[in-house]
Amino acid sequence: MEDEDLRLAPRTKAAELLAWAEAEGREPVAEGPLRAVLALLELGEGRMHDGWPELTSAAVEHLLYERLYLYVQPEPEQDPLAYGAAVRLLIDHRRAAKRLNAKRQERLHAEAEWQGEVAAGLLRRADLVTWPRLYTLLLRAAGVDTADREAVRTWLEGFRELPEEERSAAFAALEADGVLDPVDDGGWEAGGRMLAVGMATDGARRLLEQGLMRRSYRNLAELTALGRPMPEELAGDFGAFEEAAALAALELAGSWTVPGLPELLVTEFPELAPEPGPAEIETYLAGLEAADGDVPADDHVPADGDAPADGNEWADGDERAPE
């Protein structure tokens, strides 16, 4: 998978943007968050122009509100507001390049500022972590040298030997120690949290793989237009291309957490980072439905449009009030 035309891994223009910011006397933005922002925007469904993301309200919201917390785990000393700052720097750069007018620049700036604050909060929520993010926090808490892949593997091997209840206690300790903000969802002892983290991890990785392949297809369309042959990997069996995309997604996720960690969790330690299949999900949902069925039959819960059970009038503005 050496063909340059495939270009699976994003080659962001972070260095160029940082150089522009310095030349303009702008307040510096951390390089790590900037690279993550540019890569995730490029791998989204938005348009690109000359190697730069075309910014819209939808693209900014999608990045900061829906994608960022799936992938990045900020360094301990890093301000999580840096991701919003990176988006605002990009907005100003695109305005300087005449890709945005002043009105759109102002609107996007305001959106990126408040959504950047929202994103910083989402990055701290215990129920929104993925397995790579969670184990990144555990490795740091244990003082492991995360730049040493063998040290990471050794720690994972030791963690695997712990009883399941001790592993759950280690997850919960991140909340008790203030590393993550707790939420009222039953915690790590309840099956729902583990299931949600596994589902989010699986979905995040697949989204990344699809984004990488979609990015390559855009580049390959140019080859077709020029009448050039397809790369060998795409000339027949797509298996090699799909495998390369899966590996590239794991490597990219590692660049936002701990290098090599996502791949280790998938290939060597899947029992530490379970990703539920359809049967497990159906079993869990069936259990929830059974629990909901335990509500006494005479406890009437008003449906939308029903009058309040206590006979009181509907409050002004209540959307459930009948017209």
Protein backbone atom coordinates (compact mmCIF):
# COMPACT_ATOMS: atom_id res chain seq x y z
CA MET A 1 0.00 0.00 0.00
CA GLU A 2 2.74 2.40 -1.02
CA ASP A 3 0.99 4.09 -3.93
CA GLU A 4 0.95 7.82 -3.29
CA ASP A 5 -2.37 8.14 -5.11
CA LEU A 6 -4.12 6.12 -2.39
CA ARG A 7 -3.02 8.61 0.28
CA LEU A 8 -4.86 6.95 3.13
CA ALA A 9 -3.36 8.93 6.02
CA PRO A 10 -4.29 12.63 6.01
CA ARG A 11 -1.46 15.02 5.26
CA THR A 12 -2.85 18.10 6.94
CA LYS A 13 -1.58 21.63 6.39
CA ALA A 14 -1.04 22.19 10.10
CA ALA A 15 2.53 23.44 9.63
CA GLU A 16 1.39 25.94 7.01
CA LEU A 17 -1.41 27.17 9.24
CA LEU A 18 0.92 27.55 12.23
CA ALA A 19 3.40 29.49 10.09
CA TRP A 20 0.59 31.79 8.92
CA ALA A 21 -0.54 32.37 12.52
CA GLU A 22 3.02 33.30 13.57
CA ALA A 23 3.47 35.64 10.63
CA GLU A 24 0.17 37.34 11.48
CA GLY A 25 1.16 37.71 15.12
CA ARG A 26 -1.72 35.49 16.20
CA GLU A 27 -1.93 33.81 19.58
CA PRO A 28 -0.32 30.36 19.21
CA VAL A 29 -2.49 27.24 19.04
CA ALA A 30 -1.27 23.83 20.20
CA GLU A 31 -0.09 21.73 17.26
CA GLY A 32 -1.63 18.42 18.44
CA PRO A 33 -5.20 19.71 18.66
CA LEU A 34 -4.75 21.60 15.39
CA ARG A 35 -3.64 18.45 13.54
CA ALA A 36 -6.55 16.49 15.02
CA VAL A 37 -9.06 19.17 14.00
CA LEU A 38 -7.73 19.36 10.44
CA ALA A 39 -7.65 15.58 10.04
CA LEU A 40 -11.16 15.02 11.39
CA LEU A 41 -12.56 17.79 9.20
CA GLU A 42 -10.85 16.28 6.15
CA LEU A 43 -12.20 12.82 6.96
CA GLY A 44 -15.73 14.12 7.50
CA GLU A 45 -18.29 14.49 4.78
CA GLY A 46 -17.58 18.17 4.11
CA ARG A 47 -15.94 19.51 0.97
CA MET A 48 -12.26 20.29 0.54
CA HIS A 49 -10.67 23.07 -1.52
CA ASP A 50 -6.97 23.04 -2.33
CA GLY A 51 -6.24 20.82 0.66
CA TRP A 52 -8.26 22.91 3.12
CA PRO A 53 -11.66 22.03 4.65
CA GLU A 54 -14.58 24.14 3.48
CA LEU A 55 -16.10 25.39 6.72
CA THR A 56 -19.82 25.47 7.36
CA SER A 57 -21.93 25.56 10.52
CA ALA A 58 -22.77 21.89 10.01
CA ALA A 59 -19.12 20.90 9.65
CA VAL A 60 -18.08 22.77 12.81
CA GLU A 61 -20.95 21.31 14.84
CA HIS A 62 -20.30 17.82 13.51
CA LEU A 63 -16.66 18.03 14.53
CA LEU A 64 -16.95 19.59 17.99
CA TYR A 65 -20.26 18.12 19.12
CA GLU A 66 -20.36 14.68 17.51
CA ARG A 67 -16.86 13.48 16.55
CA LEU A 68 -14.16 14.95 18.77
CA TYR A 69 -14.97 13.02 21.97
CA LEU A 70 -14.88 9.73 20.07
CA TYR A 71 -11.20 10.07 19.25
CA VAL A 72 -9.05 12.52 21.18
CA GLN A 73 -7.73 12.36 24.70
CA PRO A 74 -5.95 15.61 25.56
CA GLU A 75 -2.57 15.49 27.25
CA PRO A 76 -2.75 16.16 31.02
CA GLU A 77 -1.28 19.66 30.66
CA GLN A 78 -3.29 20.50 27.55
CA ASP A 79 -6.26 22.86 27.67
CA PRO A 80 -9.26 21.07 26.09
CA LEU A 81 -10.43 24.45 24.81
CA ALA A 82 -7.52 24.26 22.35
CA TYR A 83 -9.72 22.32 19.90
CA GLY A 84 -12.19 25.18 19.63
CA ALA A 85 -9.28 27.62 19.35
CA ALA A 86 -7.87 25.55 16.48
CA VAL A 87 -11.19 25.77 14.63
CA ARG A 88 -11.31 29.54 15.14
CA LEU A 89 -7.78 29.90 13.77
CA LEU A 90 -8.78 27.90 10.70
CA ILE A 91 -11.86 30.11 10.25
CA ASP A 92 -9.70 33.24 10.23
CA HIS A 93 -7.26 31.66 7.79
CA ARG A 94 -10.06 30.78 5.38
CA ARG A 95 -11.37 34.35 5.67
CA ALA A 96 -7.90 35.66 4.81
CA ALA A 97 -7.89 33.32 1.79
CA LYS A 98 -11.24 34.83 0.73
CA ARG A 99 -13.09 31.52 1.19
CA LEU A 100 -15.42 33.12 3.76
CA ASN A 101 -17.08 36.52 3.85
CA ALA A 102 -17.01 38.66 6.99
CA LYS A 103 -20.56 37.73 8.05
CA ARG A 104 -19.92 34.00 7.80
CA GLN A 105 -16.59 34.41 9.59
CA GLU A 106 -18.28 36.14 12.50
CA ARG A 107 -21.06 33.56 12.72
CA LEU A 108 -18.69 30.58 12.53
CA HIS A 109 -16.37 32.17 15.07
CA ALA A 110 -19.22 32.46 17.58
CA GLU A 111 -20.37 28.91 16.92
CA ALA A 112 -16.86 27.50 17.28
CA GLU A 113 -16.36 29.35 20.55
CA TRP A 114 -19.41 28.02 22.36
CA GLN A 115 -19.27 24.58 20.76
CA GLY A 116 -15.60 24.39 21.71
CA GLU A 117 -16.68 24.88 25.33
CA VAL A 118 -19.28 22.15 24.90
CA ALA A 119 -16.65 19.84 23.41
CA ALA A 120 -14.36 20.42 26.39
CA GLY A 121 -17.18 19.26 28.66
CA LEU A 122 -17.96 16.22 26.53
CA LEU A 123 -14.32 15.14 26.72
CA ARG A 124 -14.68 14.84 30.49
CA ARG A 125 -17.90 12.81 30.60
CA ALA A 126 -17.38 9.27 31.85
CA ASP A 127 -20.12 7.85 29.66
CA LEU A 128 -18.68 9.22 26.42
CA VAL A 129 -15.22 7.68 26.46
CA THR A 130 -14.10 5.03 23.99
CA TRP A 131 -11.75 2.18 24.93
CA PRO A 132 -8.59 3.87 23.59
CA ARG A 133 -9.43 7.06 25.47
CA LEU A 134 -10.24 5.18 28.67
CA TYR A 135 -7.05 3.12 28.63
CA THR A 136 -5.02 6.23 27.83
CA LEU A 137 -6.28 7.73 31.08
CA LEU A 138 -5.53 4.52 33.01
CA LEU A 139 -2.00 4.31 31.60
CA ARG A 140 -1.29 7.90 32.54
CA ALA A 141 -2.73 7.42 36.02
CA ALA A 142 -0.44 4.40 36.47
CA GLY A 143 2.60 6.41 35.41
CA VAL A 144 3.33 4.25 32.37
CA ASP A 145 5.67 5.66 29.72
CA THR A 146 3.11 5.83 26.92
CA ALA A 147 5.84 6.47 24.34
CA ASP A 148 7.21 2.97 25.06
CA ARG A 149 5.01 0.42 23.28
CA GLU A 150 6.48 -2.50 25.25
CA ALA A 151 5.76 -0.72 28.53
CA VAL A 152 2.17 -0.21 27.37
CA ARG A 153 1.87 -3.88 26.40
CA THR A 154 3.33 -5.02 29.75
CA TRP A 155 0.84 -2.89 31.67
CA LEU A 156 -2.06 -4.25 29.61
CA GLU A 157 -0.90 -7.81 30.30
CA GLY A 158 -0.92 -7.12 34.03
CA PHE A 159 -4.30 -5.40 33.88
CA ARG A 160 -5.72 -8.40 32.03
CA GLU A 161 -4.79 -10.65 34.99
CA LEU A 162 -6.91 -8.63 37.40
CA PRO A 163 -10.38 -9.89 38.32
CA GLU A 164 -13.17 -8.17 36.42
CA GLU A 165 -14.37 -6.37 39.55
CA GLU A 166 -10.93 -4.85 40.07
CA ARG A 167 -10.82 -3.64 36.50
CA SER A 168 -14.24 -2.02 36.91
CA ALA A 169 -13.01 -0.42 40.13
CA ALA A 170 -10.05 1.06 38.23
CA PHE A 171 -12.45 2.60 35.70
CA ALA A 172 -14.61 4.01 38.49
CA ALA A 173 -11.54 5.44 40.25
CA LEU A 174 -11.04 7.82 37.33
CA GLU A 175 -14.36 9.40 38.28
CA ALA A 176 -13.63 9.34 42.02
CA ASP A 177 -10.28 11.05 41.40
CA GLY A 178 -11.84 13.78 39.25
CA VAL A 179 -10.21 12.67 36.00
CA LEU A 180 -13.64 12.11 34.46
CA ASP A 181 -16.97 13.66 35.39
CA PRO A 182 -19.43 11.04 36.70
CA VAL A 183 -22.90 10.69 35.19
CA ASP A 184 -26.04 9.08 36.56
CA ASP A 185 -26.17 5.96 34.40
CA GLY A 186 -25.44 3.19 36.89
CA GLY A 187 -21.66 3.41 36.54
CA TRP A 188 -19.22 0.70 35.52
CA GLU A 189 -20.91 -2.02 37.55
CA ALA A 190 -24.00 -1.76 35.35
CA GLY A 191 -23.87 -3.53 32.01
CA GLY A 192 -25.05 -0.52 30.05
CA ARG A 193 -21.87 1.54 30.46
CA MET A 194 -19.58 -1.21 29.18
CA LEU A 195 -21.92 -1.88 26.28
CA ALA A 196 -22.09 1.80 25.33
CA VAL A 197 -18.30 2.21 25.38
CA GLY A 198 -17.86 -0.87 23.20
CA MET A 199 -20.48 0.27 20.70
CA ALA A 200 -19.01 3.78 20.54
CA THR A 201 -15.51 2.38 19.97
CA ASP A 202 -16.64 0.10 17.17
CA GLY A 203 -18.61 2.87 15.51
CA ALA A 204 -15.79 5.39 15.83
CA ARG A 205 -13.27 3.05 14.22
CA ARG A 206 -15.59 2.20 11.34
CA LEU A 207 -16.33 5.88 10.72
CA LEU A 208 -12.60 6.54 10.57
CA GLU A 209 -12.03 3.66 8.14
CA GLN A 210 -14.82 4.92 5.88
CA GLY A 211 -13.44 8.44 5.99
CA LEU A 212 -9.99 7.22 4.99
CA MET A 213 -11.35 5.19 2.08
CA ARG A 214 -13.63 8.04 0.97
CA ARG A 215 -10.63 10.36 0.99
CA SER A 216 -8.68 7.98 -1.23
CA TYR A 217 -11.60 7.59 -3.62
CA ARG A 218 -11.66 11.37 -4.09
CA ASN A 219 -7.99 11.28 -5.07
CA LEU A 220 -8.51 8.28 -7.34
CA ALA A 221 -11.33 10.03 -9.18
CA GLU A 222 -8.71 12.44 -10.45
CA LEU A 223 -6.72 9.50 -11.86
CA THR A 224 -9.75 8.25 -13.72
CA ALA A 225 -10.40 11.70 -15.17
CA LEU A 226 -6.80 11.79 -16.41
CA GLY A 227 -7.07 8.32 -17.95
CA ARG A 228 -4.41 6.89 -15.65
CA PRO A 229 -4.61 3.26 -14.41
CA MET A 230 -5.88 2.43 -10.94
CA PRO A 231 -3.33 1.43 -8.29
CA GLU A 232 -2.72 -2.30 -8.03
CA GLU A 233 -4.59 -2.51 -4.71
CA LEU A 234 -7.79 -1.38 -6.42
CA ALA A 235 -7.37 -3.15 -9.75
CA GLY A 236 -9.23 -6.27 -8.58
CA ASP A 237 -9.61 -7.54 -5.03
CA PHE A 238 -10.38 -4.74 -2.58
CA GLY A 239 -9.32 -6.81 0.41
CA ALA A 240 -5.83 -5.34 0.65
CA PHE A 241 -7.23 -1.81 0.47
CA GLU A 242 -9.77 -2.47 3.21
CA GLU A 243 -7.11 -4.01 5.44
CA ALA A 244 -4.84 -1.03 4.88
CA ALA A 245 -7.67 1.35 5.75
CA ALA A 246 -8.41 -0.57 8.97
CA LEU A 247 -4.74 -0.41 9.99
CA ALA A 248 -4.47 3.27 9.08
CA ALA A 249 -7.56 4.02 11.21
CA LEU A 250 -5.98 2.33 14.23
CA GLU A 251 -2.71 4.18 13.71
CA LEU A 252 -4.50 7.51 13.38
CA ALA A 253 -6.56 6.87 16.52
CA GLY A 254 -3.30 6.12 18.31
CA SER A 255 -1.91 9.52 17.32
CA TRP A 256 -4.79 11.11 19.27
CA THR A 257 -4.46 8.85 22.35
CA VAL A 258 -1.38 6.59 22.80
CA PRO A 259 0.56 5.43 19.72
CA GLY A 260 -0.09 1.74 19.12
CA LEU A 261 -2.72 1.44 21.87
CA PRO A 262 -5.85 1.12 19.66
CA GLU A 263 -4.16 -1.60 17.60
CA LEU A 264 -3.08 -3.49 20.74
CA LEU A 265 -6.63 -3.39 22.12
CA VAL A 266 -8.05 -4.82 18.89
CA THR A 267 -5.40 -7.42 18.06
CA GLU A 268 -3.89 -8.57 21.37
CA PHE A 269 -6.24 -7.52 24.17
CA PRO A 270 -9.80 -7.59 22.79
CA GLU A 271 -11.10 -8.98 26.09
CA LEU A 272 -10.07 -5.72 27.76
CA ALA A 273 -11.99 -3.66 25.22
CA PRO A 274 -15.07 -5.69 24.26
CA GLU A 275 -17.15 -4.51 21.34
CA PRO A 276 -20.58 -6.14 21.54
CA GLY A 277 -22.17 -7.93 18.63
CA PRO A 278 -25.86 -7.82 17.63
CA ALA A 279 -26.78 -10.73 19.93
CA GLU A 280 -25.29 -9.04 23.00
CA ILE A 281 -27.00 -5.78 22.20
CA GLU A 282 -30.36 -7.49 21.70
CA THR A 283 -29.98 -9.35 25.00
CA TYR A 284 -29.24 -6.12 26.84
CA LEU A 285 -32.16 -4.28 25.23
CA ALA A 286 -34.48 -7.18 26.04
CA GLY A 287 -33.43 -6.87 29.68
CA LEU A 288 -34.27 -3.17 29.66
CA GLU A 289 -37.69 -3.89 28.17
CA ALA A 290 -38.34 -6.53 30.81
CA ALA A 291 -37.37 -4.07 33.54
CA ASP A 292 -39.71 -1.45 32.08
CA GLY A 293 -42.48 -4.01 32.16
CA ASP A 294 -42.24 -4.21 35.96
CA VAL A 295 -44.09 -0.89 36.34
CA PRO A 296 -47.49 -1.56 38.09
CA ALA A 297 -50.37 -1.60 35.66
CA ASP A 298 -52.37 1.04 37.58
CA ASP A 299 -49.53 3.59 37.40
CA HIS A 300 -50.67 5.67 34.48
CA VAL A 301 -48.00 7.71 32.72
CA PRO A 302 -49.72 10.41 30.65
CA ALA A 303 -48.97 10.17 26.96
CA ASP A 304 -48.34 13.25 24.87
CA GLY A 305 -51.62 15.08 24.58
CA ASP A 306 -53.16 13.53 27.76
CA ALA A 307 -54.43 15.88 30.42
CA PRO A 308 -52.34 15.93 33.63
CA ALA A 309 -53.35 13.10 35.98
CA ASP A 310 -53.74 15.46 38.96
CA GLY A 311 -56.33 17.55 37.18
CA ASN A 312 -54.14 20.64 37.04
CA GLU A 313 -54.10 22.83 33.99
CA TRP A 314 -51.29 22.51 31.46
CA ALA A 315 -48.52 25.00 32.03
CA ASP A 316 -48.26 27.81 29.51
CA GLY A 317 -46.00 26.78 26.64
CA ASP A 318 -46.04 23.05 27.48
CA GLU A 319 -45.52 21.38 24.12
CA ARG A 320 -47.63 18.39 25.20
CA ALA A 321 -50.75 20.49 25.68
CA PRO A 322 -53.51 19.64 23.20
CA GLU A 323 -54.27 22.33 20.68
